[in-house]
Amino acid sequence: MGEGFGLVVRFELRDQEAATAFDDLAAETLEGIKEQEPGTLTYVTHTPVGEPLIRVFYELYADRAAFETHEAQPHTKRFLAEREQYLRGVEVTFLNAVAGKVAA
């Protein structure tokens, strides 16, 4: 379990219009992740209950190298560049796996 590498990202969106555009951008990015990133084990977007302008991403990678591969992909670079226009703020927490259960 010690090799896993993850992060939680909390995005605060400007308004509902920005949230809709951000969700579309995230969905497009997810297609690239599904097709091209075997080292990305989990990549899930969430809307917290009662917080319609917040998005929380949970990302789990096989290791730090898989995360770096993810960051180097064209679809990820596009997401990172275009997301800024929709945001009020972003908070990133990097995680090192200690123990847990993951799907086979």
PDB file of N, CA and C in Angstrom:
ATOM      1  N   MET A   1       0.832  -1.200   0.000  1.00  0.00           N
ATOM      2  CA  MET A   1       0.000   0.000   0.000  1.00  0.00           C
ATOM      3  C   MET A   1       0.866   1.249   0.000  1.00  0.00           C
ATOM      4  N   GLY A   2       2.089   1.162   0.424  1.00  0.00           N
ATOM      5  CA  GLY A   2       2.945   2.319   0.555  1.00  0.00           C
ATOM      6  C   GLY A   2       3.265   3.032  -0.741  1.00  0.00           C
ATOM      7  N   GLU A   3       3.109   2.378  -1.899  1.00  0.00           N
ATOM      8  CA  GLU A   3       3.455   3.025  -3.160  1.00  0.00           C
ATOM      9  C   GLU A   3       2.344   3.903  -3.718  1.00  0.00           C
ATOM     10  N   GLY A   4       1.136   3.761  -3.241  1.00  0.00           N
ATOM     11  CA  GLY A   4       0.043   4.560  -3.768  1.00  0.00           C
ATOM     12  C   GLY A   4       0.270   6.045  -3.546  1.00  0.00           C
ATOM     13  N   PHE A   5      -0.229   6.840  -4.465  1.00  0.00           N
ATOM     14  CA  PHE A   5      -0.090   8.291  -4.368  1.00  0.00           C
ATOM     15  C   PHE A   5      -1.413   8.908  -4.778  1.00  0.00           C
ATOM     16  N   GLY A   6      -1.913   9.838  -4.008  1.00  0.00           N
ATOM     17  CA  GLY A   6      -3.209  10.416  -4.345  1.00  0.00           C
ATOM     18  C   GLY A   6      -3.292  11.882  -3.992  1.00  0.00           C
ATOM     19  N   LEU A   7      -4.421  12.449  -4.356  1.00  0.00           N
ATOM     20  CA  LEU A   7      -4.694  13.816  -3.981  1.00  0.00           C
ATOM     21  C   LEU A   7      -6.193  14.068  -3.954  1.00  0.00           C
ATOM     22  N   VAL A   8      -6.548  15.070  -3.190  1.00  0.00           N
ATOM     23  CA  VAL A   8      -7.912  15.578  -3.131  1.00  0.00           C
ATOM     24  C   VAL A   8      -7.818  17.042  -3.532  1.00  0.00           C
ATOM     25  N   VAL A   9      -8.656  17.428  -4.488  1.00  0.00           N
ATOM     26  CA  VAL A   9      -8.656  18.814  -4.949  1.00  0.00           C
ATOM     27  C   VAL A   9     -10.059  19.375  -4.753  1.00  0.00           C
ATOM     28  N   ARG A  10     -10.138  20.518  -4.115  1.00  0.00           N
ATOM     29  CA  ARG A  10     -11.421  21.192  -3.886  1.00  0.00           C
ATOM     30  C   ARG A  10     -11.436  22.471  -4.719  1.00  0.00           C
ATOM     31  N   PHE A  11     -12.385  22.535  -5.629  1.00  0.00           N
ATOM     32  CA  PHE A  11     -12.547  23.690  -6.500  1.00  0.00           C
ATOM     33  C   PHE A  11     -13.770  24.485  -6.061  1.00  0.00           C
ATOM     34  N   GLU A  12     -13.626  25.808  -5.969  1.00  0.00           N
ATOM     35  CA  GLU A  12     -14.768  26.695  -5.753  1.00  0.00           C
ATOM     36  C   GLU A  12     -15.022  27.412  -7.074  1.00  0.00           C
ATOM     37  N   LEU A  13     -16.225  27.238  -7.607  1.00  0.00           N
ATOM     38  CA  LEU A  13     -16.572  27.797  -8.911  1.00  0.00           C
ATOM     39  C   LEU A  13     -17.252  29.155  -8.755  1.00  0.00           C
ATOM     40  N   ARG A  14     -17.100  30.000  -9.782  1.00  0.00           N
ATOM     41  CA  ARG A  14     -17.591  31.384  -9.722  1.00  0.00           C
ATOM     42  C   ARG A  14     -19.101  31.478  -9.595  1.00  0.00           C
ATOM     43  N   ASP A  15     -19.811  30.729 -10.434  1.00  0.00           N
ATOM     44  CA  ASP A  15     -21.273  30.788 -10.465  1.00  0.00           C
ATOM     45  C   ASP A  15     -21.780  29.533 -11.177  1.00  0.00           C
ATOM     46  N   GLN A  16     -23.101  29.432 -11.329  1.00  0.00           N
ATOM     47  CA  GLN A  16     -23.672  28.222 -11.921  1.00  0.00           C
ATOM     48  C   GLN A  16     -23.249  28.044 -13.376  1.00  0.00           C
ATOM     49  N   GLU A  17     -23.155  29.113 -14.122  1.00  0.00           N
ATOM     50  CA  GLU A  17     -22.703  29.020 -15.518  1.00  0.00           C
ATOM     51  C   GLU A  17     -21.275  28.472 -15.584  1.00  0.00           C
ATOM     52  N   ALA A  18     -20.422  28.971 -14.710  1.00  0.00           N
ATOM     53  CA  ALA A  18     -19.045  28.479 -14.651  1.00  0.00           C
ATOM     54  C   ALA A  18     -19.012  27.014 -14.227  1.00  0.00           C
ATOM     55  N   ALA A  19     -19.886  26.637 -13.307  1.00  0.00           N
ATOM     56  CA  ALA A  19     -19.939  25.245 -12.845  1.00  0.00           C
ATOM     57  C   ALA A  19     -20.307  24.306 -13.993  1.00  0.00           C
ATOM     58  N   THR A  20     -21.252  24.704 -14.807  1.00  0.00           N
ATOM     59  CA  THR A  20     -21.662  23.878 -15.946  1.00  0.00           C
ATOM     60  C   THR A  20     -20.514  23.721 -16.944  1.00  0.00           C
ATOM     61  N   ALA A  21     -19.837  24.816 -17.252  1.00  0.00           N
ATOM     62  CA  ALA A  21     -18.710  24.751 -18.190  1.00  0.00           C
ATOM     63  C   ALA A  21     -17.558  23.933 -17.599  1.00  0.00           C
ATOM     64  N   PHE A  22     -17.298  24.102 -16.314  1.00  0.00           N
ATOM     65  CA  PHE A  22     -16.250  23.332 -15.638  1.00  0.00           C
ATOM     66  C   PHE A  22     -16.562  21.841 -15.687  1.00  0.00           C
ATOM     67  N   ASP A  23     -17.811  21.483 -15.426  1.00  0.00           N
ATOM     68  CA  ASP A  23     -18.214  20.068 -15.469  1.00  0.00           C
ATOM     69  C   ASP A  23     -18.025  19.485 -16.858  1.00  0.00           C
ATOM     70  N   ASP A  24     -18.330  20.267 -17.890  1.00  0.00           N
ATOM     71  CA  ASP A  24     -18.116  19.801 -19.268  1.00  0.00           C
ATOM     72  C   ASP A  24     -16.633  19.580 -19.536  1.00  0.00           C
ATOM     73  N   LEU A  25     -15.802  20.505 -19.104  1.00  0.00           N
ATOM     74  CA  LEU A  25     -14.356  20.375 -19.276  1.00  0.00           C
ATOM     75  C   LEU A  25     -13.835  19.144 -18.527  1.00  0.00           C
ATOM     76  N   ALA A  26     -14.306  18.936 -17.313  1.00  0.00           N
ATOM     77  CA  ALA A  26     -13.881  17.775 -16.528  1.00  0.00           C
ATOM     78  C   ALA A  26     -14.300  16.474 -17.204  1.00  0.00           C
ATOM     79  N   ALA A  27     -15.501  16.428 -17.762  1.00  0.00           N
ATOM     80  CA  ALA A  27     -15.977  15.223 -18.445  1.00  0.00           C
ATOM     81  C   ALA A  27     -15.124  14.908 -19.675  1.00  0.00           C
ATOM     82  N   GLU A  28     -14.756  15.934 -20.420  1.00  0.00           N
ATOM     83  CA  GLU A  28     -13.884  15.737 -21.584  1.00  0.00           C
ATOM     84  C   GLU A  28     -12.520  15.216 -21.144  1.00  0.00           C
ATOM     85  N   THR A  29     -12.002  15.756 -20.072  1.00  0.00           N
ATOM     86  CA  THR A  29     -10.705  15.337 -19.545  1.00  0.00           C
ATOM     87  C   THR A  29     -10.765  13.886 -19.085  1.00  0.00           C
ATOM     88  N   LEU A  30     -11.847  13.512 -18.451  1.00  0.00           N
ATOM     89  CA  LEU A  30     -12.007  12.153 -17.950  1.00  0.00           C
ATOM     90  C   LEU A  30     -11.947  11.120 -19.079  1.00  0.00           C
ATOM     91  N   GLU A  31     -12.456  11.465 -20.244  1.00  0.00           N
ATOM     92  CA  GLU A  31     -12.386  10.530 -21.373  1.00  0.00           C
ATOM     93  C   GLU A  31     -10.935  10.215 -21.719  1.00  0.00           C
ATOM     94  N   GLY A  32     -10.071  11.210 -21.750  1.00  0.00           N
ATOM     95  CA  GLY A  32      -8.650  10.988 -22.000  1.00  0.00           C
ATOM     96  C   GLY A  32      -8.008  10.147 -20.913  1.00  0.00           C
ATOM     97  N   ILE A  33      -8.394  10.390 -19.677  1.00  0.00           N
ATOM     98  CA  ILE A  33      -7.845   9.623 -18.553  1.00  0.00           C
ATOM     99  C   ILE A  33      -8.227   8.159 -18.682  1.00  0.00           C
ATOM    100  N   LYS A  34      -9.487   7.880 -18.993  1.00  0.00           N
ATOM    101  CA  LYS A  34      -9.959   6.497 -19.127  1.00  0.00           C
ATOM    102  C   LYS A  34      -9.224   5.764 -20.247  1.00  0.00           C
ATOM    103  N   GLU A  35      -8.959   6.450 -21.345  1.00  0.00           N
ATOM    104  CA  GLU A  35      -8.382   5.822 -22.527  1.00  0.00           C
ATOM    105  C   GLU A  35      -6.866   5.689 -22.460  1.00  0.00           C
ATOM    106  N   GLN A  36      -6.179   6.573 -21.754  1.00  0.00           N
ATOM    107  CA  GLN A  36      -4.730   6.672 -21.915  1.00  0.00           C
ATOM    108  C   GLN A  36      -3.912   6.566 -20.631  1.00  0.00           C
ATOM    109  N   GLU A  37      -4.533   6.290 -19.499  1.00  0.00           N
ATOM    110  CA  GLU A  37      -3.777   6.343 -18.249  1.00  0.00           C
ATOM    111  C   GLU A  37      -3.993   5.100 -17.375  1.00  0.00           C
ATOM    112  N   PRO A  38      -3.308   4.009 -17.687  1.00  0.00           N
ATOM    113  CA  PRO A  38      -3.482   2.803 -16.868  1.00  0.00           C
ATOM    114  C   PRO A  38      -3.011   2.974 -15.421  1.00  0.00           C
ATOM    115  N   GLY A  39      -2.101   3.905 -15.163  1.00  0.00           N
ATOM    116  CA  GLY A  39      -1.612   4.131 -13.806  1.00  0.00           C
ATOM    117  C   GLY A  39      -2.523   4.992 -12.951  1.00  0.00           C
ATOM    118  N   THR A  40      -3.567   5.559 -13.576  1.00  0.00           N
ATOM    119  CA  THR A  40      -4.567   6.308 -12.813  1.00  0.00           C
ATOM    120  C   THR A  40      -5.604   5.302 -12.346  1.00  0.00           C
ATOM    121  N   LEU A  41      -5.596   4.986 -11.071  1.00  0.00           N
ATOM    122  CA  LEU A  41      -6.450   3.940 -10.519  1.00  0.00           C
ATOM    123  C   LEU A  41      -7.857   4.425 -10.221  1.00  0.00           C
ATOM    124  N   THR A  42      -7.961   5.651  -9.733  1.00  0.00           N
ATOM    125  CA  THR A  42      -9.253   6.249  -9.397  1.00  0.00           C
ATOM    126  C   THR A  42      -9.195   7.726  -9.729  1.00  0.00           C
ATOM    127  N   TYR A  43     -10.233   8.213 -10.391  1.00  0.00           N
ATOM    128  CA  TYR A  43     -10.343   9.639 -10.698  1.00  0.00           C
ATOM    129  C   TYR A  43     -11.829   9.948 -10.681  1.00  0.00           C
ATOM    130  N   VAL A  44     -12.290  10.500  -9.583  1.00  0.00           N
ATOM    131  CA  VAL A  44     -13.728  10.696  -9.381  1.00  0.00           C
ATOM    132  C   VAL A  44     -13.987  12.147  -9.015  1.00  0.00           C
ATOM    133  N   THR A  45     -15.004  12.738  -9.645  1.00  0.00           N
ATOM    134  CA  THR A  45     -15.413  14.090  -9.304  1.00  0.00           C
ATOM    135  C   THR A  45     -16.684  14.020  -8.466  1.00  0.00           C
ATOM    136  N   HIS A  46     -16.775  14.914  -7.507  1.00  0.00           N
ATOM    137  CA  HIS A  46     -17.908  14.936  -6.577  1.00  0.00           C
ATOM    138  C   HIS A  46     -18.451  16.356  -6.458  1.00  0.00           C
ATOM    139  N   THR A  47     -19.738  16.452  -6.186  1.00  0.00           N
ATOM    140  CA  THR A  47     -20.355  17.698  -5.747  1.00  0.00           C
ATOM    141  C   THR A  47     -20.827  17.459  -4.317  1.00  0.00           C
ATOM    142  N   PRO A  48     -20.276  18.141  -3.328  1.00  0.00           N
ATOM    143  CA  PRO A  48     -20.717  17.938  -1.954  1.00  0.00           C
ATOM    144  C   PRO A  48     -22.197  18.320  -1.794  1.00  0.00           C
ATOM    145  N   VAL A  49     -22.884  17.576  -0.991  1.00  0.00           N
ATOM    146  CA  VAL A  49     -24.297  17.833  -0.724  1.00  0.00           C
ATOM    147  C   VAL A  49     -24.447  19.249  -0.174  1.00  0.00           C
ATOM    148  N   GLY A  50     -25.332  20.008  -0.791  1.00  0.00           N
ATOM    149  CA  GLY A  50     -25.612  21.362  -0.321  1.00  0.00           C
ATOM    150  C   GLY A  50     -24.600  22.412  -0.740  1.00  0.00           C
ATOM    151  N   GLU A  51     -23.642  22.047  -1.607  1.00  0.00           N
ATOM    152  CA  GLU A  51     -22.627  23.000  -2.059  1.00  0.00           C
ATOM    153  C   GLU A  51     -22.532  22.947  -3.585  1.00  0.00           C
ATOM    154  N   PRO A  52     -23.504  23.529  -4.277  1.00  0.00           N
ATOM    155  CA  PRO A  52     -23.576  23.380  -5.732  1.00  0.00           C
ATOM    156  C   PRO A  52     -22.436  24.023  -6.516  1.00  0.00           C
ATOM    157  N   LEU A  53     -21.666  24.906  -5.899  1.00  0.00           N
ATOM    158  CA  LEU A  53     -20.554  25.551  -6.599  1.00  0.00           C
ATOM    159  C   LEU A  53     -19.189  25.000  -6.169  1.00  0.00           C
ATOM    160  N   ILE A  54     -19.205  23.848  -5.506  1.00  0.00           N
ATOM    161  CA  ILE A  54     -17.971  23.180  -5.095  1.00  0.00           C
ATOM    162  C   ILE A  54     -17.864  21.862  -5.854  1.00  0.00           C
ATOM    163  N   ARG A  55     -16.638  21.566  -6.293  1.00  0.00           N
ATOM    164  CA  ARG A  55     -16.333  20.260  -6.869  1.00  0.00           C
ATOM    165  C   ARG A  55     -15.138  19.719  -6.107  1.00  0.00           C
ATOM    166  N   VAL A  56     -15.198  18.442  -5.778  1.00  0.00           N
ATOM    167  CA  VAL A  56     -14.095  17.765  -5.109  1.00  0.00           C
ATOM    168  C   VAL A  56     -13.661  16.608  -5.990  1.00  0.00           C
ATOM    169  N   PHE A  57     -12.387  16.590  -6.325  1.00  0.00           N
ATOM    170  CA  PHE A  57     -11.819  15.494  -7.111  1.00  0.00           C
ATOM    171  C   PHE A  57     -11.026  14.604  -6.162  1.00  0.00           C
ATOM    172  N   TYR A  58     -11.229  13.299  -6.298  1.00  0.00           N
ATOM    173  CA  TYR A  58     -10.404  12.327  -5.595  1.00  0.00           C
ATOM    174  C   TYR A  58      -9.638  11.559  -6.650  1.00  0.00           C
ATOM    175  N   GLU A  59      -8.321  11.577  -6.539  1.00  0.00           N
ATOM    176  CA  GLU A  59      -7.463  10.946  -7.534  1.00  0.00           C
ATOM    177  C   GLU A  59      -6.492  10.002  -6.833  1.00  0.00           C
ATOM    178  N   LEU A  60      -6.388   8.778  -7.341  1.00  0.00           N
ATOM    179  CA  LEU A  60      -5.452   7.806  -6.798  1.00  0.00           C
ATOM    180  C   LEU A  60      -4.650   7.220  -7.950  1.00  0.00           C
ATOM    181  N   TYR A  61      -3.351   7.238  -7.789  1.00  0.00           N
ATOM    182  CA  TYR A  61      -2.415   6.767  -8.816  1.00  0.00           C
ATOM    183  C   TYR A  61      -1.601   5.601  -8.269  1.00  0.00           C
ATOM    184  N   ALA A  62      -1.114   4.755  -9.160  1.00  0.00           N
ATOM    185  CA  ALA A  62      -0.315   3.597  -8.751  1.00  0.00           C
ATOM    186  C   ALA A  62       0.925   4.040  -7.983  1.00  0.00           C
ATOM    187  N   ASP A  63       1.498   5.159  -8.377  1.00  0.00           N
ATOM    188  CA  ASP A  63       2.684   5.705  -7.721  1.00  0.00           C
ATOM    189  C   ASP A  63       2.895   7.134  -8.216  1.00  0.00           C
ATOM    190  N   ARG A  64       3.926   7.769  -7.724  1.00  0.00           N
ATOM    191  CA  ARG A  64       4.198   9.165  -8.098  1.00  0.00           C
ATOM    192  C   ARG A  64       4.464   9.292  -9.606  1.00  0.00           C
ATOM    193  N   ALA A  65       5.135   8.293 -10.191  1.00  0.00           N
ATOM    194  CA  ALA A  65       5.417   8.324 -11.633  1.00  0.00           C
ATOM    195  C   ALA A  65       4.125   8.310 -12.450  1.00  0.00           C
ATOM    196  N   ALA A  66       3.120   7.570 -12.004  1.00  0.00           N
ATOM    197  CA  ALA A  66       1.829   7.547 -12.709  1.00  0.00           C
ATOM    198  C   ALA A  66       1.159   8.915 -12.633  1.00  0.00           C
ATOM    199  N   PHE A  67       1.279   9.593 -11.497  1.00  0.00           N
ATOM    200  CA  PHE A  67       0.748  10.948 -11.373  1.00  0.00           C
ATOM    201  C   PHE A  67       1.461  11.890 -12.335  1.00  0.00           C
ATOM    202  N   GLU A  68       2.776  11.781 -12.403  1.00  0.00           N
ATOM    203  CA  GLU A  68       3.540  12.644 -13.306  1.00  0.00           C
ATOM    204  C   GLU A  68       3.184  12.374 -14.765  1.00  0.00           C
ATOM    205  N   THR A  69       2.921  11.114 -15.105  1.00  0.00           N
ATOM    206  CA  THR A  69       2.450  10.772 -16.451  1.00  0.00           C
ATOM    207  C   THR A  69       1.101  11.432 -16.718  1.00  0.00           C
ATOM    208  N   HIS A  70       0.213  11.397 -15.741  1.00  0.00           N
ATOM    209  CA  HIS A  70      -1.099  12.049 -15.850  1.00  0.00           C
ATOM    210  C   HIS A  70      -0.933  13.547 -16.117  1.00  0.00           C
ATOM    211  N   GLU A  71      -0.068  14.194 -15.353  1.00  0.00           N
ATOM    212  CA  GLU A  71       0.131  15.633 -15.488  1.00  0.00           C
ATOM    213  C   GLU A  71       0.703  16.016 -16.855  1.00  0.00           C
ATOM    214  N   ALA A  72       1.418  15.105 -17.502  1.00  0.00           N
ATOM    215  CA  ALA A  72       2.060  15.386 -18.793  1.00  0.00           C
ATOM    216  C   ALA A  72       1.145  15.160 -19.997  1.00  0.00           C
ATOM    217  N   GLN A  73      -0.041  14.600 -19.780  1.00  0.00           N
ATOM    218  CA  GLN A  73      -0.947  14.292 -20.882  1.00  0.00           C
ATOM    219  C   GLN A  73      -1.567  15.569 -21.465  1.00  0.00           C
ATOM    220  N   PRO A  74      -1.780  15.601 -22.780  1.00  0.00           N
ATOM    221  CA  PRO A  74      -2.410  16.783 -23.400  1.00  0.00           C
ATOM    222  C   PRO A  74      -3.775  17.115 -22.807  1.00  0.00           C
ATOM    223  N   HIS A  75      -4.595  16.101 -22.503  1.00  0.00           N
ATOM    224  CA  HIS A  75      -5.928  16.382 -21.946  1.00  0.00           C
ATOM    225  C   HIS A  75      -5.824  17.000 -20.553  1.00  0.00           C
ATOM    226  N   THR A  76      -4.822  16.602 -19.774  1.00  0.00           N
ATOM    227  CA  THR A  76      -4.632  17.192 -18.445  1.00  0.00           C
ATOM    228  C   THR A  76      -4.107  18.613 -18.559  1.00  0.00           C
ATOM    229  N   LYS A  77      -3.157  18.830 -19.436  1.00  0.00           N
ATOM    230  CA  LYS A  77      -2.629  20.186 -19.631  1.00  0.00           C
ATOM    231  C   LYS A  77      -3.726  21.142 -20.076  1.00  0.00           C
ATOM    232  N   ARG A  78      -4.601  20.666 -20.952  1.00  0.00           N
ATOM    233  CA  ARG A  78      -5.735  21.503 -21.397  1.00  0.00           C
ATOM    234  C   ARG A  78      -6.642  21.841 -20.211  1.00  0.00           C
ATOM    235  N   PHE A  79      -6.960  20.824 -19.392  1.00  0.00           N
ATOM    236  CA  PHE A  79      -7.803  21.051 -18.221  1.00  0.00           C
ATOM    237  C   PHE A  79      -7.172  22.084 -17.291  1.00  0.00           C
ATOM    238  N   LEU A  80      -5.889  21.931 -17.004  1.00  0.00           N
ATOM    239  CA  LEU A  80      -5.213  22.850 -16.092  1.00  0.00           C
ATOM    240  C   LEU A  80      -5.215  24.281 -16.619  1.00  0.00           C
ATOM    241  N   ALA A  81      -5.066  24.443 -17.925  1.00  0.00           N
ATOM    242  CA  ALA A  81      -5.047  25.778 -18.523  1.00  0.00           C
ATOM    243  C   ALA A  81      -6.432  26.409 -18.567  1.00  0.00           C
ATOM    244  N   GLU A  82      -7.435  25.629 -18.916  1.00  0.00           N
ATOM    245  CA  GLU A  82      -8.774  26.189 -19.126  1.00  0.00           C
ATOM    246  C   GLU A  82      -9.606  26.325 -17.860  1.00  0.00           C
ATOM    247  N   ARG A  83      -9.295  25.583 -16.834  1.00  0.00           N
ATOM    248  CA  ARG A  83     -10.125  25.600 -15.616  1.00  0.00           C
ATOM    249  C   ARG A  83     -10.121  26.951 -14.916  1.00  0.00           C
ATOM    250  N   GLU A  84      -9.025  27.689 -15.030  1.00  0.00           N
ATOM    251  CA  GLU A  84      -8.859  28.928 -14.272  1.00  0.00           C
ATOM    252  C   GLU A  84      -9.986  29.926 -14.495  1.00  0.00           C
ATOM    253  N   GLN A  85     -10.524  29.994 -15.705  1.00  0.00           N
ATOM    254  CA  GLN A  85     -11.573  30.970 -16.006  1.00  0.00           C
ATOM    255  C   GLN A  85     -12.869  30.709 -15.234  1.00  0.00           C
ATOM    256  N   TYR A  86     -13.027  29.513 -14.688  1.00  0.00           N
ATOM    257  CA  TYR A  86     -14.258  29.136 -13.991  1.00  0.00           C
ATOM    258  C   TYR A  86     -14.139  29.199 -12.473  1.00  0.00           C
ATOM    259  N   LEU A  87     -12.934  29.439 -11.968  1.00  0.00           N
ATOM    260  CA  LEU A  87     -12.671  29.247 -10.546  1.00  0.00           C
ATOM    261  C   LEU A  87     -12.637  30.535  -9.731  1.00  0.00           C
ATOM    262  N   ARG A  88     -13.082  30.397  -8.479  1.00  0.00           N
ATOM    263  CA  ARG A  88     -12.838  31.396  -7.439  1.00  0.00           C
ATOM    264  C   ARG A  88     -11.637  30.983  -6.613  1.00  0.00           C
ATOM    265  N   GLY A  89     -11.469  29.669  -6.485  1.00  0.00           N
ATOM    266  CA  GLY A  89     -10.357  29.179  -5.684  1.00  0.00           C
ATOM    267  C   GLY A  89     -10.157  27.688  -5.869  1.00  0.00           C
ATOM    268  N   VAL A  90      -8.983  27.227  -5.463  1.00  0.00           N
ATOM    269  CA  VAL A  90      -8.652  25.800  -5.535  1.00  0.00           C
ATOM    270  C   VAL A  90      -7.746  25.456  -4.359  1.00  0.00           C
ATOM    271  N   GLU A  91      -7.973  24.285  -3.795  1.00  0.00           N
ATOM    272  CA  GLU A  91      -7.160  23.788  -2.680  1.00  0.00           C
ATOM    273  C   GLU A  91      -6.766  22.354  -3.003  1.00  0.00           C
ATOM    274  N   VAL A  92      -5.466  22.073  -2.977  1.00  0.00           N
ATOM    275  CA  VAL A  92      -4.948  20.745  -3.309  1.00  0.00           C
ATOM    276  C   VAL A  92      -4.297  20.140  -2.070  1.00  0.00           C
ATOM    277  N   THR A  93      -4.657  18.894  -1.771  1.00  0.00           N
ATOM    278  CA  THR A  93      -4.034  18.143  -0.694  1.00  0.00           C
ATOM    279  C   THR A  93      -3.453  16.872  -1.276  1.00  0.00           C
ATOM    280  N   PHE A  94      -2.131  16.721  -1.211  1.00  0.00           N
ATOM    281  CA  PHE A  94      -1.469  15.514  -1.693  1.00  0.00           C
ATOM    282  C   PHE A  94      -1.499  14.460  -0.594  1.00  0.00           C
ATOM    283  N   LEU A  95      -1.659  13.202  -0.991  1.00  0.00           N
ATOM    284  CA  LEU A  95      -1.829  12.111  -0.043  1.00  0.00           C
ATOM    285  C   LEU A  95      -0.856  10.974  -0.337  1.00  0.00           C
ATOM    286  N   ASN A  96      -0.201  10.456   0.679  1.00  0.00           N
ATOM    287  CA  ASN A  96       0.591   9.242   0.562  1.00  0.00           C
ATOM    288  C   ASN A  96      -0.181   8.118   1.231  1.00  0.00           C
ATOM    289  N   ALA A  97      -0.415   7.038   0.512  1.00  0.00           N
ATOM    290  CA  ALA A  97      -1.172   5.923   1.061  1.00  0.00           C
ATOM    291  C   ALA A  97      -0.394   5.247   2.193  1.00  0.00           C
ATOM    292  N   VAL A  98      -1.093   4.969   3.269  1.00  0.00           N
ATOM    293  CA  VAL A  98      -0.502   4.284   4.419  1.00  0.00           C
ATOM    294  C   VAL A  98      -1.092   2.892   4.531  1.00  0.00           C
ATOM    295  N   ALA A  99      -2.417   2.807   4.496  1.00  0.00           N
ATOM    296  CA  ALA A  99      -3.111   1.526   4.613  1.00  0.00           C
ATOM    297  C   ALA A  99      -4.492   1.693   4.028  1.00  0.00           C
ATOM    298  N   GLY A 100      -5.114   0.583   3.669  1.00  0.00           N
ATOM    299  CA  GLY A 100      -6.476   0.655   3.168  1.00  0.00           C
ATOM    300  C   GLY A 100      -6.841  -0.544   2.327  1.00  0.00           C
ATOM    301  N   LYS A 101      -7.968  -0.437   1.670  1.00  0.00           N
ATOM    302  CA  LYS A 101      -8.462  -1.484   0.775  1.00  0.00           C
ATOM    303  C   LYS A 101      -8.726  -0.844  -0.572  1.00  0.00           C
ATOM    304  N   VAL A 102      -8.237  -1.467  -1.614  1.00  0.00           N
ATOM    305  CA  VAL A 102      -8.506  -0.990  -2.969  1.00  0.00           C
ATOM    306  C   VAL A 102      -9.058  -2.138  -3.781  1.00  0.00           C
ATOM    307  N   ALA A 103      -9.802  -1.787  -4.836  1.00  0.00           N
ATOM    308  CA  ALA A 103     -10.375  -2.806  -5.711  1.00  0.00           C
ATOM    309  C   ALA A 103      -9.260  -3.528  -6.450  1.00  0.00           C
ATOM    310  N   ALA A 104      -9.494  -4.769  -6.755  1.00  0.00           N
ATOM    311  CA  ALA A 104      -8.486  -5.584  -7.470  1.00  0.00           C
ATOM    312  C   ALA A 104      -8.277  -5.101  -8.873  1.00  0.00           C
TER     313      ALA A 104
END
